[in-house]
Protein backbone atom coordinates (compact mmCIF):
# COMPACT_ATOMS: atom_id res chain seq x y z
CA MET A 1 -44.47 -41.99 3.50
CA ALA A 2 -44.08 -38.79 4.80
CA ARG A 3 -40.47 -38.08 6.55
CA LYS A 4 -40.77 -36.07 9.39
CA LYS A 5 -38.31 -35.20 11.69
CA ILE A 6 -38.54 -35.04 15.61
CA ARG A 7 -36.08 -33.93 18.16
CA GLU A 8 -33.06 -35.74 19.77
CA TYR A 9 -34.91 -36.01 23.00
CA ASP A 10 -37.66 -37.79 21.26
CA SER A 11 -35.55 -40.16 19.00
CA LYS A 12 -33.38 -41.22 22.23
CA ARG A 13 -36.83 -41.49 24.47
CA LEU A 14 -38.25 -44.58 21.74
CA LEU A 15 -35.03 -46.46 21.55
CA LYS A 16 -34.84 -46.44 25.09
CA GLU A 17 -38.40 -47.40 25.74
CA HIS A 18 -38.58 -49.75 22.97
CA LEU A 19 -35.22 -51.11 22.73
CA LYS A 20 -36.01 -53.03 25.63
CA ARG A 21 -39.40 -54.24 24.82
CA LEU A 22 -38.19 -55.69 21.72
CA SER A 23 -34.72 -56.65 22.16
CA GLY A 24 -34.11 -57.25 25.67
CA ILE A 25 -31.51 -54.19 25.80
CA ASP A 26 -31.71 -51.85 28.80
CA LEU A 27 -30.00 -48.50 27.29
CA GLN A 28 -28.53 -46.74 30.01
CA ILE A 29 -29.02 -43.07 28.19
CA CYS A 30 -30.54 -40.43 30.39
CA SER A 31 -32.03 -37.40 28.98
CA ALA A 32 -33.96 -34.07 29.70
CA GLN A 33 -35.82 -31.35 27.40
CA VAL A 34 -35.52 -28.00 28.66
CA THR A 35 -37.39 -24.93 27.25
CA GLU A 36 -38.25 -21.54 28.14
CA ALA A 37 -41.11 -23.31 30.50
CA THR A 38 -38.73 -25.81 32.14
CA ASP A 39 -38.77 -25.23 35.74
CA PHE A 40 -35.02 -26.49 37.22
CA ALA A 41 -36.42 -27.35 40.69
CA GLU A 42 -38.76 -29.45 39.18
CA LEU A 43 -36.45 -30.81 36.54
CA THR A 44 -34.32 -32.09 38.99
CA ASN A 45 -37.16 -33.78 41.33
CA LYS A 46 -37.81 -35.42 38.18
CA GLU A 47 -34.28 -36.37 36.78
CA PRO A 48 -32.29 -36.94 39.88
CA TRP A 49 -29.08 -37.69 37.77
CA ILE A 50 -28.87 -34.09 36.41
CA SER A 51 -27.60 -32.67 40.13
CA SER A 52 -25.15 -35.61 40.80
CA SER A 53 -23.77 -35.86 37.39
CA LYS A 54 -21.25 -33.70 34.91
CA LEU A 55 -23.54 -32.41 31.82
CA VAL A 56 -23.87 -32.11 28.40
CA ILE A 57 -26.03 -29.68 26.66
CA LYS A 58 -26.44 -28.44 22.63
CA PRO A 59 -29.68 -27.11 21.03
CA ASP A 60 -32.71 -29.91 19.88
CA MET A 61 -33.39 -27.54 16.90
CA LEU A 62 -33.27 -30.36 14.06
CA PHE A 63 -29.87 -29.38 12.73
CA GLY A 64 -26.44 -30.73 12.69
CA LYS A 65 -23.14 -29.67 13.09
CA ARG A 66 -23.96 -28.59 16.65
CA GLY A 67 -20.44 -28.94 18.14
CA LYS A 68 -18.53 -27.19 15.07
CA SER A 69 -20.68 -24.24 15.21
CA GLY A 70 -19.70 -24.08 19.36
CA LEU A 71 -23.15 -24.85 20.48
CA VAL A 72 -22.16 -28.00 22.55
CA ALA A 73 -21.06 -27.59 26.45
CA LEU A 74 -19.56 -30.30 28.12
CA LYS A 75 -18.65 -30.98 31.98
CA LEU A 76 -21.16 -28.70 33.14
CA ASP A 77 -22.64 -28.57 36.68
CA LEU A 78 -26.20 -27.79 36.74
CA ALA A 79 -25.86 -24.23 37.32
CA GLU A 80 -23.48 -23.72 34.67
CA VAL A 81 -26.49 -25.48 32.58
CA ALA A 82 -29.06 -22.41 34.05
CA GLU A 83 -26.63 -19.96 32.77
CA PHE A 84 -25.91 -21.81 29.48
CA VAL A 85 -29.39 -22.01 29.20
CA LYS A 86 -30.28 -18.31 30.26
CA GLU A 87 -27.41 -16.48 27.95
CA ARG A 88 -28.82 -18.68 24.38
CA LEU A 89 -32.60 -18.73 25.37
CA GLY A 90 -34.68 -17.18 22.52
CA VAL A 91 -31.26 -15.84 20.84
CA GLU A 92 -30.97 -16.14 17.57
CA VAL A 93 -28.67 -18.26 15.67
CA GLU A 94 -27.43 -18.57 11.94
CA ILE A 95 -26.90 -21.93 10.52
CA GLY A 96 -26.05 -22.20 6.87
CA ASN A 97 -28.26 -19.89 5.21
CA CYS A 98 -31.17 -20.34 8.40
CA LYS A 99 -31.38 -17.63 11.33
CA ALA A 100 -33.89 -18.79 14.16
CA PRO A 101 -34.27 -18.34 17.79
CA ILE A 102 -33.36 -21.63 19.78
CA THR A 103 -36.08 -22.23 21.92
CA THR A 104 -35.51 -26.13 22.97
CA PHE A 105 -32.33 -27.67 24.29
CA ILE A 106 -31.02 -31.27 25.50
CA VAL A 107 -29.38 -31.92 28.63
CA GLU A 108 -27.58 -35.47 29.74
CA PRO A 109 -24.96 -36.63 31.79
CA PHE A 110 -21.49 -36.37 30.30
CA VAL A 111 -19.53 -39.90 29.25
CA PRO A 112 -15.87 -40.27 28.95
CA HIS A 113 -15.45 -42.15 25.82
CA ASP A 114 -12.69 -43.53 23.63
CA ASP A 115 -13.96 -45.07 20.95
CA GLU A 116 -17.17 -43.50 18.54
CA TYR A 117 -19.05 -45.85 16.04
CA TYR A 118 -21.35 -45.12 13.21
CA LEU A 119 -24.73 -45.94 12.67
CA SER A 120 -28.02 -44.85 10.51
CA VAL A 121 -30.82 -46.82 8.94
CA VAL A 122 -32.73 -45.47 5.96
CA SER A 123 -36.39 -46.56 4.49
CA GLU A 124 -36.02 -47.05 1.02
CA ARG A 125 -38.69 -48.15 -1.54
CA LEU A 126 -37.78 -51.49 -1.97
CA GLY A 127 -36.06 -52.47 1.56
CA CYS A 128 -33.64 -50.72 4.27
CA THR A 129 -30.11 -49.05 3.69
CA ILE A 130 -28.37 -49.53 7.20
CA SER A 131 -24.83 -48.23 7.26
CA PHE A 132 -22.07 -48.96 10.00
CA SER A 133 -18.35 -47.54 10.84
CA GLU A 134 -15.56 -47.86 13.15
CA CYS A 135 -15.35 -43.97 12.67
CA GLY A 136 -17.54 -42.37 13.95
CA GLY A 137 -18.16 -38.96 15.57
CA ILE A 138 -17.99 -34.93 14.04
CA GLU A 139 -15.41 -36.16 11.02
CA ILE A 140 -17.73 -38.83 9.63
CA GLU A 141 -17.73 -36.93 6.10
CA GLU A 142 -14.07 -37.20 6.08
CA ASN A 143 -14.23 -40.40 6.85
CA TRP A 144 -17.15 -41.55 5.10
CA ASP A 145 -15.03 -44.79 2.79
CA LYS A 146 -14.55 -46.31 5.95
CA VAL A 147 -18.35 -46.89 6.06
CA LYS A 148 -20.03 -49.70 5.37
CA THR A 149 -23.19 -50.57 4.27
CA ILE A 150 -26.11 -53.09 3.09
CA PHE A 151 -29.37 -53.18 1.62
CA LEU A 152 -31.99 -55.41 3.13
CA PRO A 153 -34.74 -56.37 1.19
CA THR A 154 -38.27 -55.93 2.86
CA GLU A 155 -38.90 -59.60 2.74
CA MET A 156 -35.55 -60.01 4.58
CA SER A 157 -35.22 -60.57 8.12
CA MET A 158 -32.11 -58.38 9.71
CA THR A 159 -29.99 -61.57 11.29
CA LEU A 160 -26.78 -62.02 12.51
CA GLU A 161 -25.83 -63.28 9.35
CA ALA A 162 -27.12 -59.84 7.28
CA CYS A 163 -25.24 -57.91 9.83
CA ALA A 164 -21.90 -59.88 9.02
CA PRO A 165 -20.46 -57.03 6.55
CA LEU A 166 -21.00 -54.12 8.84
CA ILE A 167 -19.33 -55.42 11.78
CA ALA A 168 -16.74 -57.81 10.40
CA THR A 169 -13.55 -55.86 10.78
CA LEU A 170 -14.59 -55.03 14.53
CA PRO A 171 -13.05 -56.81 17.89
CA LEU A 172 -14.63 -60.31 18.33
CA GLU A 173 -15.16 -58.82 21.97
CA VAL A 174 -17.28 -55.89 20.89
CA ARG A 175 -18.31 -57.60 17.58
CA GLY A 176 -21.30 -59.97 19.11
CA LYS A 177 -22.37 -56.67 21.28
CA ILE A 178 -22.35 -54.41 18.27
CA GLY A 179 -24.28 -56.73 16.02
CA ASN A 180 -27.09 -57.41 18.78
CA PHE A 181 -27.37 -53.92 19.11
CA ILE A 182 -28.14 -53.46 14.90
CA MET A 183 -30.21 -55.71 14.95
CA GLY A 184 -31.97 -54.01 17.75
CA VAL A 185 -32.18 -50.99 16.47
CA PHE A 186 -33.42 -51.98 13.36
CA ALA A 187 -36.53 -54.21 15.14
CA VAL A 188 -37.33 -50.63 16.52
CA PHE A 189 -36.67 -49.04 13.57
CA GLN A 190 -39.62 -51.11 11.95
CA ASP A 191 -42.11 -51.52 14.60
CA LEU A 192 -42.36 -47.93 15.00
CA ASP A 193 -42.38 -47.13 11.65
CA PHE A 194 -39.05 -44.99 11.51
CA SER A 195 -37.47 -43.03 7.91
CA PHE A 196 -34.93 -42.28 8.85
CA LEU A 197 -32.40 -42.87 11.94
CA GLU A 198 -29.15 -41.88 12.94
CA MET A 199 -26.84 -42.13 15.36
CA ASN A 200 -23.14 -40.46 15.11
CA PRO A 201 -21.70 -41.02 17.15
CA PHE A 202 -22.59 -44.06 19.49
CA THR A 203 -20.07 -45.67 22.17
CA LEU A 204 -19.89 -48.22 24.51
CA LEU A 205 -19.94 -47.42 28.26
CA ASN A 206 -18.76 -50.14 30.78
CA GLY A 207 -19.14 -52.54 27.47
CA GLU A 208 -22.81 -51.75 26.90
CA PRO A 209 -23.97 -49.23 23.38
CA TYR A 210 -24.53 -45.52 24.59
CA PRO A 211 -25.71 -43.46 21.35
CA LEU A 212 -24.42 -39.80 22.38
CA ASP A 213 -25.60 -38.04 19.49
CA MET A 214 -28.89 -39.01 17.29
CA ARG A 215 -31.36 -37.78 14.86
CA GLY A 216 -34.50 -39.37 13.98
CA GLU A 217 -37.41 -39.07 11.44
CA LEU A 218 -41.01 -40.86 11.83
CA ASP A 219 -43.43 -41.94 9.25
CA ASP A 220 -46.32 -39.68 10.54
CA THR A 221 -48.74 -41.38 7.87
CA SER A 222 -48.58 -44.11 10.17
CA ALA A 223 -49.22 -42.10 13.59
CA PHE A 224 -52.78 -43.89 13.58
CA LYS A 225 -51.67 -47.46 14.80
CA ASN A 226 -48.17 -46.03 16.76
CA PHE A 227 -49.76 -43.07 18.68
CA LYS A 228 -49.60 -45.60 22.02
CA LYS A 229 -45.90 -46.57 21.12
CA TRP A 230 -44.90 -42.62 20.59
CA GLY A 231 -46.36 -41.44 23.33
CA ASN A 232 -46.39 -37.43 23.31
CA VAL A 233 -44.18 -37.33 20.59
CA GLU A 234 -43.32 -33.52 18.67
CA PHE A 235 -43.22 -33.29 15.21
CA PRO A 236 -41.14 -29.44 15.30
CA LEU A 237 -40.97 -27.33 12.24
CA PRO A 238 -37.94 -27.20 10.68
CA PHE A 239 -34.82 -24.84 11.95
CA GLY A 240 -35.30 -21.14 10.45
CA ARG A 241 -39.39 -21.80 9.87
CA VAL A 242 -41.22 -19.88 12.00
CA LEU A 243 -44.87 -19.46 11.72
CA SER A 244 -46.86 -16.27 10.97
CA PRO A 245 -50.17 -15.47 13.12
CA ALA A 246 -52.00 -16.55 10.17
CA GLU A 247 -49.99 -19.12 9.62
CA ARG A 248 -50.23 -20.59 13.21
CA PHE A 249 -54.05 -20.11 13.36
CA ILE A 250 -54.34 -22.56 10.76
CA HIS A 251 -52.08 -25.13 11.95
CA SER A 252 -53.60 -25.10 15.64
CA LEU A 253 -56.94 -25.59 13.48
CA ASP A 254 -55.72 -28.36 11.91
CA GLU A 255 -55.15 -30.25 14.61
CA LYS A 256 -57.91 -30.03 15.99
CA THR A 257 -60.17 -31.89 12.91
CA SER A 258 -59.63 -35.04 11.33
CA ALA A 259 -59.49 -33.18 7.84
CA SER A 260 -56.44 -31.33 6.21
CA LEU A 261 -55.85 -28.12 6.01
CA LYS A 262 -52.88 -26.59 5.32
CA PHE A 263 -51.35 -23.13 4.66
CA THR A 264 -48.11 -21.49 3.90
CA VAL A 265 -47.49 -17.74 2.75
CA LEU A 266 -44.77 -17.75 0.30
CA ASN A 267 -45.01 -14.08 -0.95
CA PRO A 268 -46.99 -11.49 1.22
CA LYS A 269 -46.94 -9.52 -2.13
CA GLY A 270 -47.41 -12.23 -4.52
CA ARG A 271 -50.65 -11.67 -6.76
CA ILE A 272 -51.88 -15.60 -7.48
CA TRP A 273 -53.41 -16.71 -4.50
CA THR A 274 -54.83 -20.39 -4.54
CA MET A 275 -57.54 -21.80 -2.25
CA VAL A 276 -57.29 -25.48 -3.29
CA ALA A 277 -59.13 -29.01 -2.12
CA GLY A 278 -56.56 -32.25 -2.75
CA GLY A 279 -53.18 -32.34 -1.79
CA GLY A 280 -52.20 -33.99 -5.13
CA ALA A 281 -54.36 -30.78 -6.72
CA SER A 282 -52.65 -28.65 -4.64
CA VAL A 283 -49.30 -29.04 -6.19
CA ILE A 284 -50.40 -29.51 -9.68
CA PHE A 285 -52.37 -25.71 -9.19
CA ALA A 286 -48.71 -24.44 -6.99
CA ASP A 287 -46.47 -25.90 -9.69
CA THR A 288 -48.19 -24.97 -12.86
CA VAL A 289 -48.07 -21.03 -11.88
CA GLY A 290 -44.08 -21.69 -11.50
CA ASP A 291 -43.76 -23.86 -14.68
CA LEU A 292 -45.58 -20.89 -16.26
CA GLY A 293 -43.16 -18.57 -15.34
CA TYR A 294 -44.83 -16.67 -12.09
CA ALA A 295 -43.79 -18.53 -9.06
CA SER A 296 -42.31 -15.09 -7.39
CA GLU A 297 -45.69 -14.27 -7.77
CA LEU A 298 -47.22 -16.84 -6.18
CA GLY A 299 -48.62 -15.62 -2.57
CA ASN A 300 -49.11 -19.17 -0.82
CA TYR A 301 -49.75 -22.49 -0.58
CA ALA A 302 -53.04 -23.88 0.55
CA GLU A 303 -55.00 -27.02 0.75
CA TYR A 304 -57.55 -28.19 2.17
CA SER A 305 -59.33 -32.15 1.85
CA GLY A 306 -60.79 -34.80 3.79
CA ALA A 307 -64.31 -33.06 4.32
CA PRO A 308 -64.03 -30.47 6.51
CA ASN A 309 -67.03 -28.72 7.83
CA GLU A 310 -68.95 -25.44 6.97
CA GLU A 311 -67.53 -23.63 9.96
CA GLU A 312 -63.79 -25.36 9.62
CA VAL A 313 -64.02 -23.48 5.52
CA LEU A 314 -65.34 -20.59 6.58
CA GLN A 315 -62.23 -20.03 9.31
CA TYR A 316 -60.03 -21.05 6.76
CA ALA A 317 -61.04 -19.08 3.93
CA ARG A 318 -61.45 -16.04 6.11
CA VAL A 319 -57.71 -16.54 6.45
CA VAL A 320 -56.43 -17.17 3.41
CA LEU A 321 -58.69 -14.34 1.94
CA ASP A 322 -57.05 -11.66 4.65
CA CYS A 323 -53.92 -12.59 3.21
CA ALA A 324 -54.66 -12.65 -0.41
CA THR A 325 -56.04 -9.22 0.10
CA ALA A 326 -53.71 -7.56 2.52
CA ASP A 327 -52.01 -4.49 2.15
CA PRO A 328 -53.36 -3.46 -1.56
CA ASP A 329 -51.25 -1.93 -3.58
CA GLY A 330 -53.68 -0.86 -6.44
CA ARG A 331 -52.54 -3.72 -8.73
CA LYS A 332 -54.75 -6.68 -9.39
CA ARG A 333 -54.79 -9.93 -8.20
CA ALA A 334 -56.15 -13.63 -8.11
CA LEU A 335 -57.49 -16.01 -6.57
CA ILE A 336 -58.05 -19.95 -7.70
CA ILE A 337 -60.54 -21.43 -5.76
CA GLY A 338 -59.71 -24.86 -7.28
CA GLY A 339 -59.91 -28.52 -6.79
CA GLY A 340 -59.75 -31.93 -8.66
CA ILE A 341 -62.60 -33.98 -8.65
CA ALA A 342 -63.55 -35.43 -6.06
CA ASN A 343 -65.12 -39.01 -4.65
CA PHE A 344 -66.76 -38.06 -1.68
CA THR A 345 -66.59 -34.57 -0.47
CA ASP A 346 -69.66 -33.02 -1.23
CA VAL A 347 -68.59 -29.45 -3.23
CA ALA A 348 -71.59 -27.53 -3.12
CA SER A 349 -71.19 -28.07 1.02
CA THR A 350 -67.91 -27.31 1.38
CA PHE A 351 -67.99 -23.54 -1.24
CA ASN A 352 -70.74 -22.78 1.22
CA GLY A 353 -68.15 -22.03 3.55
CA ILE A 354 -66.52 -20.41 1.03
CA ILE A 355 -68.90 -18.31 0.07
CA ARG A 356 -69.85 -16.80 3.55
CA ALA A 357 -66.38 -15.74 3.73
CA LEU A 358 -66.19 -14.08 0.18
CA ARG A 359 -69.49 -12.17 1.34
CA GLU A 360 -67.96 -11.38 4.59
CA LYS A 361 -64.69 -10.01 2.88
CA GLU A 362 -66.17 -8.18 0.29
CA SER A 363 -64.98 -4.78 0.85
CA LYS A 364 -60.91 -6.32 0.97
CA ILE A 365 -62.03 -8.25 -2.34
CA LYS A 366 -62.56 -5.30 -4.46
CA ALA A 367 -60.05 -2.94 -2.63
CA ALA A 368 -57.11 -5.73 -4.69
CA ARG A 369 -59.39 -5.47 -7.49
CA MET A 370 -59.60 -9.64 -7.27
CA HIS A 371 -60.59 -11.77 -9.69
CA ILE A 372 -61.55 -14.86 -8.68
CA PHE A 373 -61.82 -18.64 -10.94
CA VAL A 374 -63.52 -21.58 -9.75
CA ARG A 375 -62.83 -24.74 -10.92
CA ARG A 376 -64.56 -28.04 -9.03
CA GLY A 377 -65.78 -31.06 -10.16
CA GLY A 378 -67.08 -33.88 -7.75
CA PRO A 379 -70.13 -34.95 -5.59
CA ASN A 380 -72.99 -32.28 -5.95
CA TYR A 381 -70.25 -29.88 -8.18
CA GLN A 382 -73.30 -28.20 -10.33
CA THR A 383 -75.31 -26.95 -7.25
CA GLY A 384 -71.88 -25.39 -6.15
CA LEU A 385 -70.70 -24.02 -8.82
CA ALA A 386 -74.12 -22.26 -9.58
CA LYS A 387 -74.23 -20.79 -6.46
CA MET A 388 -70.78 -19.79 -6.94
CA ARG A 389 -72.21 -17.62 -10.10
CA ALA A 390 -74.81 -16.40 -8.51
CA LEU A 391 -72.61 -14.90 -5.67
CA GLY A 392 -70.38 -13.34 -8.39
CA GLU A 393 -72.90 -11.54 -9.83
CA GLU A 394 -74.09 -10.66 -5.91
CA LEU A 395 -70.78 -9.41 -5.30
CA GLY A 396 -70.55 -7.71 -8.02
CA VAL A 397 -66.49 -9.41 -8.61
CA PRO A 398 -64.93 -10.81 -11.50
CA LEU A 399 -65.55 -14.64 -10.37
CA GLU A 400 -65.49 -17.01 -13.38
CA VAL A 401 -66.78 -20.38 -13.05
CA TYR A 402 -65.56 -24.13 -14.90
CA GLY A 403 -66.35 -27.29 -14.02
CA PRO A 404 -64.29 -30.67 -15.03
CA GLU A 405 -64.58 -29.65 -18.59
CA ALA A 406 -61.87 -27.18 -17.52
CA THR A 407 -58.24 -28.24 -16.73
CA MET A 408 -56.14 -27.26 -13.01
CA THR A 409 -53.43 -26.15 -15.86
CA GLY A 410 -55.73 -24.31 -17.83
CA ILE A 411 -57.40 -22.32 -14.86
CA CYS A 412 -53.88 -21.27 -13.59
CA LYS A 413 -52.09 -19.73 -17.19
CA LEU A 414 -56.54 -18.00 -16.90
CA ALA A 415 -55.41 -16.45 -13.66
CA ILE A 416 -51.95 -15.22 -14.63
CA ASP A 417 -53.56 -13.30 -17.69
CA SER A 418 -55.85 -11.57 -15.63
CA VAL A 419 -53.09 -9.96 -13.79
CA MET A 420 -50.51 -9.74 -16.24
CA SER A 421 -52.90 -7.85 -18.68
CA GLU A 422 -51.84 -4.43 -16.95
CA ALA A 423 -48.44 -5.20 -16.33
């Protein structure tokens, strides 16, 4: 399961749409998203309530404690909301140890309320944990001893009986309403493959549940069966994570292909770089470099899989090589072109794109004094490795080639030794 955070706006949108479909509960919540591209006149036409209500505005950037950080404004009119956005849009804020500009806000009607409840559902290996409290809000952590929790095994259904321990101390007049709401939320959680959902708080408005603050995470590996239900859902980067131009290019490339292309720069001045086929193998290579004591020298995390075509591999390899050879400082560098033993991917075919990129970047590779290590197995790997050996001789660069007889961890040690020998 891959837990991917989504914005509060999308969490509320999905809950509102599907709670009615699955449980017949019609949430009265309204919300709108505001970014740099927002035209407030168009927004008002689309969401008429925004010009006739007192409003709440807050950042929708995947971080919590917005109220405690002074980033929530209450009881504003539309002009005041526009001014609030103008003053803060693009302004860098520090939350915890992370700094980043605010780019996205959520606007909602201001809802006066007295009672604040807490609800969360978390997917676990063998079922789900559901937690509820009558003391929700910004002080929930200080009142965690008042949170009631049940564990619902995968094979069990959510019923009023199963929910009873959570709501047993509620007044009778609201117990049934909140119990039905919890069951409805759980139905949405399961049907849309949420992995985490939290409301802190929700309240009752005219006797009906009304989420005020909400967080959600989806299992993005289930996108293939949920894309119609999810609609145009966004998976933003974590707060504080800003893509470099190279990372942004690979991200856009990844979105346009059925293959997987991932690239993250860890240390632009690192001396050990990877271009690895397969998610599991990429983790092994990165972890091994760290385990051997050289995590600080690891330049990147990279992974390509799902049989990308030659042109996609070429574009991918160009970016990796450009980053790995940038600003040569005279110290040796190593590049691991690795992978496990493929089941279906034609190794020789994917190597064609990498070979073309290596030829293009020959002068940069030599300027960076780069030592290249190749380790691969799978369909057609002998042909692919033979092409790599011939390329090393053609370019006149240090290029060592290994098949599945060599271990991935052993290749990491060879790469480290090659750059550290002169230290």
